[in-house]
Amino acid sequence: MPIIVNLDVMMARRKIRSKELAEQIGITEANLSILKTGKAKAIRFTTLTAICEVLNCQPGDILVYESEVSEEELTSHQDL
């Protein structure tokens, strides 16, 4: 999936545990785990807003778009 979730990285920077974050944003630890592992298919803006408020960060600190096209594919297309 081209969306990379860096929630665990931001949580480590802010020194906050999953249980504490889940309580503060109002979701279960299981649902937070799904978000952290990148297995979620969607996230509500209200949840994203709450995460950003608690972690004092921007959505781009947590979610990153990464193209599915590999560098090797890009190189081979340039040869054409």
N, C-alpha and C. Protein backbone atom coordinates (compact mmCIF):
# COMPACT_ATOMS: atom_id res chain seq x y z
N MET A 1 0.85 -1.18 0.00
CA MET A 1 0.00 0.00 0.00
C MET A 1 0.89 1.24 0.00
N PRO A 2 0.56 2.22 -0.80
CA PRO A 2 1.42 3.39 -0.91
C PRO A 2 1.35 4.37 0.26
N ILE A 3 0.45 4.18 1.21
CA ILE A 3 0.39 5.05 2.39
C ILE A 3 1.14 4.36 3.53
N ILE A 4 2.18 5.00 4.01
CA ILE A 4 2.98 4.47 5.11
C ILE A 4 2.55 5.17 6.39
N VAL A 5 2.29 4.38 7.43
CA VAL A 5 1.85 4.93 8.71
C VAL A 5 3.04 4.93 9.67
N ASN A 6 3.44 6.10 10.11
CA ASN A 6 4.56 6.27 11.03
C ASN A 6 4.10 6.63 12.44
N LEU A 7 2.94 6.15 12.82
CA LEU A 7 2.38 6.48 14.13
C LEU A 7 3.29 5.99 15.25
N ASP A 8 3.84 4.79 15.11
CA ASP A 8 4.71 4.26 16.16
C ASP A 8 5.97 5.11 16.34
N VAL A 9 6.48 5.67 15.24
CA VAL A 9 7.65 6.54 15.31
C VAL A 9 7.31 7.81 16.09
N MET A 10 6.17 8.41 15.77
CA MET A 10 5.77 9.66 16.45
C MET A 10 5.47 9.38 17.93
N MET A 11 4.87 8.23 18.21
CA MET A 11 4.60 7.88 19.61
C MET A 11 5.90 7.73 20.39
N ALA A 12 6.90 7.13 19.77
CA ALA A 12 8.20 6.97 20.43
C ALA A 12 8.85 8.33 20.68
N ARG A 13 8.74 9.23 19.72
CA ARG A 13 9.31 10.58 19.89
C ARG A 13 8.65 11.32 21.04
N ARG A 14 7.34 11.11 21.19
CA ARG A 14 6.59 11.80 22.24
C ARG A 14 6.57 11.02 23.55
N LYS A 15 7.19 9.83 23.53
CA LYS A 15 7.25 8.97 24.73
C LYS A 15 5.87 8.70 25.31
N ILE A 16 4.98 8.22 24.45
CA ILE A 16 3.64 7.88 24.89
C ILE A 16 3.34 6.42 24.51
N ARG A 17 2.72 5.70 25.41
CA ARG A 17 2.40 4.29 25.18
C ARG A 17 1.04 4.17 24.48
N SER A 18 0.85 3.02 23.85
CA SER A 18 -0.39 2.76 23.12
C SER A 18 -1.62 2.91 24.01
N LYS A 19 -1.55 2.34 25.19
CA LYS A 19 -2.70 2.40 26.10
C LYS A 19 -3.08 3.84 26.42
N GLU A 20 -2.09 4.66 26.70
CA GLU A 20 -2.34 6.06 27.04
C GLU A 20 -2.93 6.82 25.85
N LEU A 21 -2.35 6.63 24.66
CA LEU A 21 -2.85 7.32 23.46
C LEU A 21 -4.26 6.88 23.15
N ALA A 22 -4.52 5.58 23.21
CA ALA A 22 -5.85 5.06 22.92
C ALA A 22 -6.90 5.68 23.85
N GLU A 23 -6.57 5.77 25.13
CA GLU A 23 -7.49 6.37 26.10
C GLU A 23 -7.75 7.84 25.78
N GLN A 24 -6.67 8.56 25.45
CA GLN A 24 -6.81 9.99 25.21
C GLN A 24 -7.57 10.33 23.93
N ILE A 25 -7.49 9.46 22.92
CA ILE A 25 -8.19 9.75 21.66
C ILE A 25 -9.53 9.03 21.56
N GLY A 26 -9.81 8.15 22.51
CA GLY A 26 -11.13 7.52 22.57
C GLY A 26 -11.33 6.34 21.63
N ILE A 27 -10.26 5.55 21.40
CA ILE A 27 -10.42 4.32 20.62
C ILE A 27 -9.81 3.17 21.41
N THR A 28 -10.11 1.95 20.99
CA THR A 28 -9.57 0.79 21.69
C THR A 28 -8.10 0.60 21.33
N GLU A 29 -7.39 -0.10 22.20
CA GLU A 29 -5.98 -0.40 21.91
C GLU A 29 -5.88 -1.28 20.66
N ALA A 30 -6.87 -2.15 20.46
CA ALA A 30 -6.87 -3.02 19.27
C ALA A 30 -6.96 -2.19 17.99
N ASN A 31 -7.84 -1.19 17.98
CA ASN A 31 -7.97 -0.33 16.80
C ASN A 31 -6.73 0.54 16.60
N LEU A 32 -6.12 0.97 17.68
CA LEU A 32 -4.89 1.74 17.58
C LEU A 32 -3.78 0.86 16.99
N SER A 33 -3.75 -0.39 17.39
CA SER A 33 -2.76 -1.33 16.87
C SER A 33 -2.93 -1.52 15.36
N ILE A 34 -4.16 -1.59 14.89
CA ILE A 34 -4.45 -1.71 13.46
C ILE A 34 -3.92 -0.49 12.72
N LEU A 35 -4.10 0.68 13.31
CA LEU A 35 -3.57 1.91 12.70
C LEU A 35 -2.04 1.88 12.67
N LYS A 36 -1.42 1.52 13.79
CA LYS A 36 0.03 1.53 13.90
C LYS A 36 0.70 0.58 12.92
N THR A 37 0.08 -0.55 12.66
CA THR A 37 0.68 -1.55 11.78
C THR A 37 0.40 -1.28 10.31
N GLY A 38 -0.41 -0.28 10.02
CA GLY A 38 -0.72 0.05 8.63
C GLY A 38 -1.77 -0.86 8.02
N LYS A 39 -2.47 -1.62 8.83
CA LYS A 39 -3.48 -2.55 8.32
C LYS A 39 -4.85 -1.91 8.17
N ALA A 40 -5.01 -0.69 8.64
CA ALA A 40 -6.29 0.01 8.53
C ALA A 40 -6.54 0.40 7.08
N LYS A 41 -7.78 0.29 6.66
CA LYS A 41 -8.15 0.68 5.30
C LYS A 41 -8.59 2.14 5.25
N ALA A 42 -8.87 2.71 6.40
CA ALA A 42 -9.33 4.09 6.46
C ALA A 42 -9.09 4.62 7.88
N ILE A 43 -9.13 5.94 7.99
CA ILE A 43 -9.06 6.59 9.30
C ILE A 43 -10.00 7.78 9.26
N ARG A 44 -10.77 7.95 10.31
CA ARG A 44 -11.69 9.09 10.38
C ARG A 44 -10.89 10.35 10.67
N PHE A 45 -11.35 11.44 10.07
CA PHE A 45 -10.67 12.71 10.32
C PHE A 45 -10.73 13.08 11.79
N THR A 46 -11.80 12.72 12.47
CA THR A 46 -11.88 13.04 13.91
C THR A 46 -10.81 12.28 14.69
N THR A 47 -10.55 11.03 14.30
CA THR A 47 -9.50 10.24 14.95
C THR A 47 -8.13 10.82 14.64
N LEU A 48 -7.91 11.16 13.38
CA LEU A 48 -6.62 11.75 12.97
C LEU A 48 -6.40 13.08 13.69
N THR A 49 -7.44 13.88 13.80
CA THR A 49 -7.35 15.15 14.52
C THR A 49 -6.98 14.93 15.98
N ALA A 50 -7.63 13.96 16.62
CA ALA A 50 -7.35 13.67 18.02
C ALA A 50 -5.91 13.20 18.21
N ILE A 51 -5.44 12.34 17.30
CA ILE A 51 -4.05 11.87 17.37
C ILE A 51 -3.09 13.04 17.25
N CYS A 52 -3.34 13.91 16.29
CA CYS A 52 -2.46 15.07 16.08
C CYS A 52 -2.48 16.01 17.28
N GLU A 53 -3.64 16.18 17.90
CA GLU A 53 -3.72 17.05 19.08
C GLU A 53 -2.92 16.47 20.24
N VAL A 54 -3.09 15.17 20.49
CA VAL A 54 -2.39 14.54 21.61
C VAL A 54 -0.89 14.49 21.38
N LEU A 55 -0.48 14.16 20.15
CA LEU A 55 0.94 14.03 19.85
C LEU A 55 1.59 15.35 19.42
N ASN A 56 0.77 16.40 19.32
CA ASN A 56 1.26 17.72 18.91
C ASN A 56 2.07 17.61 17.61
N CYS A 57 1.38 17.11 16.57
CA CYS A 57 2.05 16.92 15.28
C CYS A 57 1.08 17.21 14.13
N GLN A 58 1.56 17.08 12.93
CA GLN A 58 0.75 17.28 11.73
C GLN A 58 0.43 15.91 11.12
N PRO A 59 -0.66 15.80 10.34
CA PRO A 59 -0.98 14.52 9.69
C PRO A 59 0.19 13.98 8.86
N GLY A 60 0.95 14.86 8.24
CA GLY A 60 2.09 14.44 7.44
C GLY A 60 3.23 13.85 8.25
N ASP A 61 3.20 14.06 9.56
CA ASP A 61 4.19 13.43 10.43
C ASP A 61 3.86 11.96 10.66
N ILE A 62 2.60 11.61 10.44
CA ILE A 62 2.10 10.26 10.70
C ILE A 62 1.89 9.48 9.41
N LEU A 63 1.33 10.14 8.40
CA LEU A 63 1.00 9.48 7.15
C LEU A 63 1.89 9.99 6.02
N VAL A 64 2.47 9.06 5.27
CA VAL A 64 3.37 9.41 4.17
C VAL A 64 2.96 8.62 2.94
N TYR A 65 2.90 9.30 1.80
CA TYR A 65 2.60 8.63 0.53
C TYR A 65 3.92 8.20 -0.10
N GLU A 66 3.97 6.94 -0.49
CA GLU A 66 5.15 6.41 -1.15
C GLU A 66 4.70 5.69 -2.41
N SER A 67 5.22 6.09 -3.54
CA SER A 67 4.84 5.51 -4.82
C SER A 67 5.12 4.02 -4.85
N GLU A 68 4.26 3.27 -5.51
CA GLU A 68 4.47 1.83 -5.65
C GLU A 68 5.43 1.51 -6.78
N VAL A 69 5.78 2.51 -7.57
CA VAL A 69 6.72 2.30 -8.66
C VAL A 69 8.13 2.25 -8.07
N SER A 70 8.84 1.17 -8.34
CA SER A 70 10.19 1.01 -7.80
C SER A 70 11.18 1.87 -8.58
N GLU A 71 12.31 2.12 -7.95
CA GLU A 71 13.35 2.91 -8.59
C GLU A 71 13.86 2.19 -9.84
N GLU A 72 13.89 0.86 -9.80
CA GLU A 72 14.33 0.07 -10.94
C GLU A 72 13.39 0.28 -12.14
N GLU A 73 12.08 0.32 -11.87
CA GLU A 73 11.12 0.56 -12.94
C GLU A 73 11.29 1.95 -13.53
N LEU A 74 11.55 2.94 -12.68
CA LEU A 74 11.76 4.30 -13.16
C LEU A 74 12.98 4.36 -14.08
N THR A 75 14.05 3.69 -13.69
CA THR A 75 15.27 3.68 -14.47
C THR A 75 15.05 3.02 -15.83
N SER A 76 14.31 1.90 -15.85
CA SER A 76 14.08 1.19 -17.11
C SER A 76 13.20 2.00 -18.05
N HIS A 77 12.30 2.81 -17.51
CA HIS A 77 11.44 3.65 -18.34
C HIS A 77 12.21 4.83 -18.94
N GLN A 78 13.25 5.27 -18.26
CA GLN A 78 14.06 6.39 -18.76
C GLN A 78 14.88 5.97 -19.97
N ASP A 79 15.19 4.66 -20.08
CA ASP A 79 15.98 4.14 -21.20
C ASP A 79 15.18 4.12 -22.50
N LEU A 80 13.86 4.21 -22.43
CA LEU A 80 13.03 4.12 -23.63
C LEU A 80 13.04 5.36 -24.45
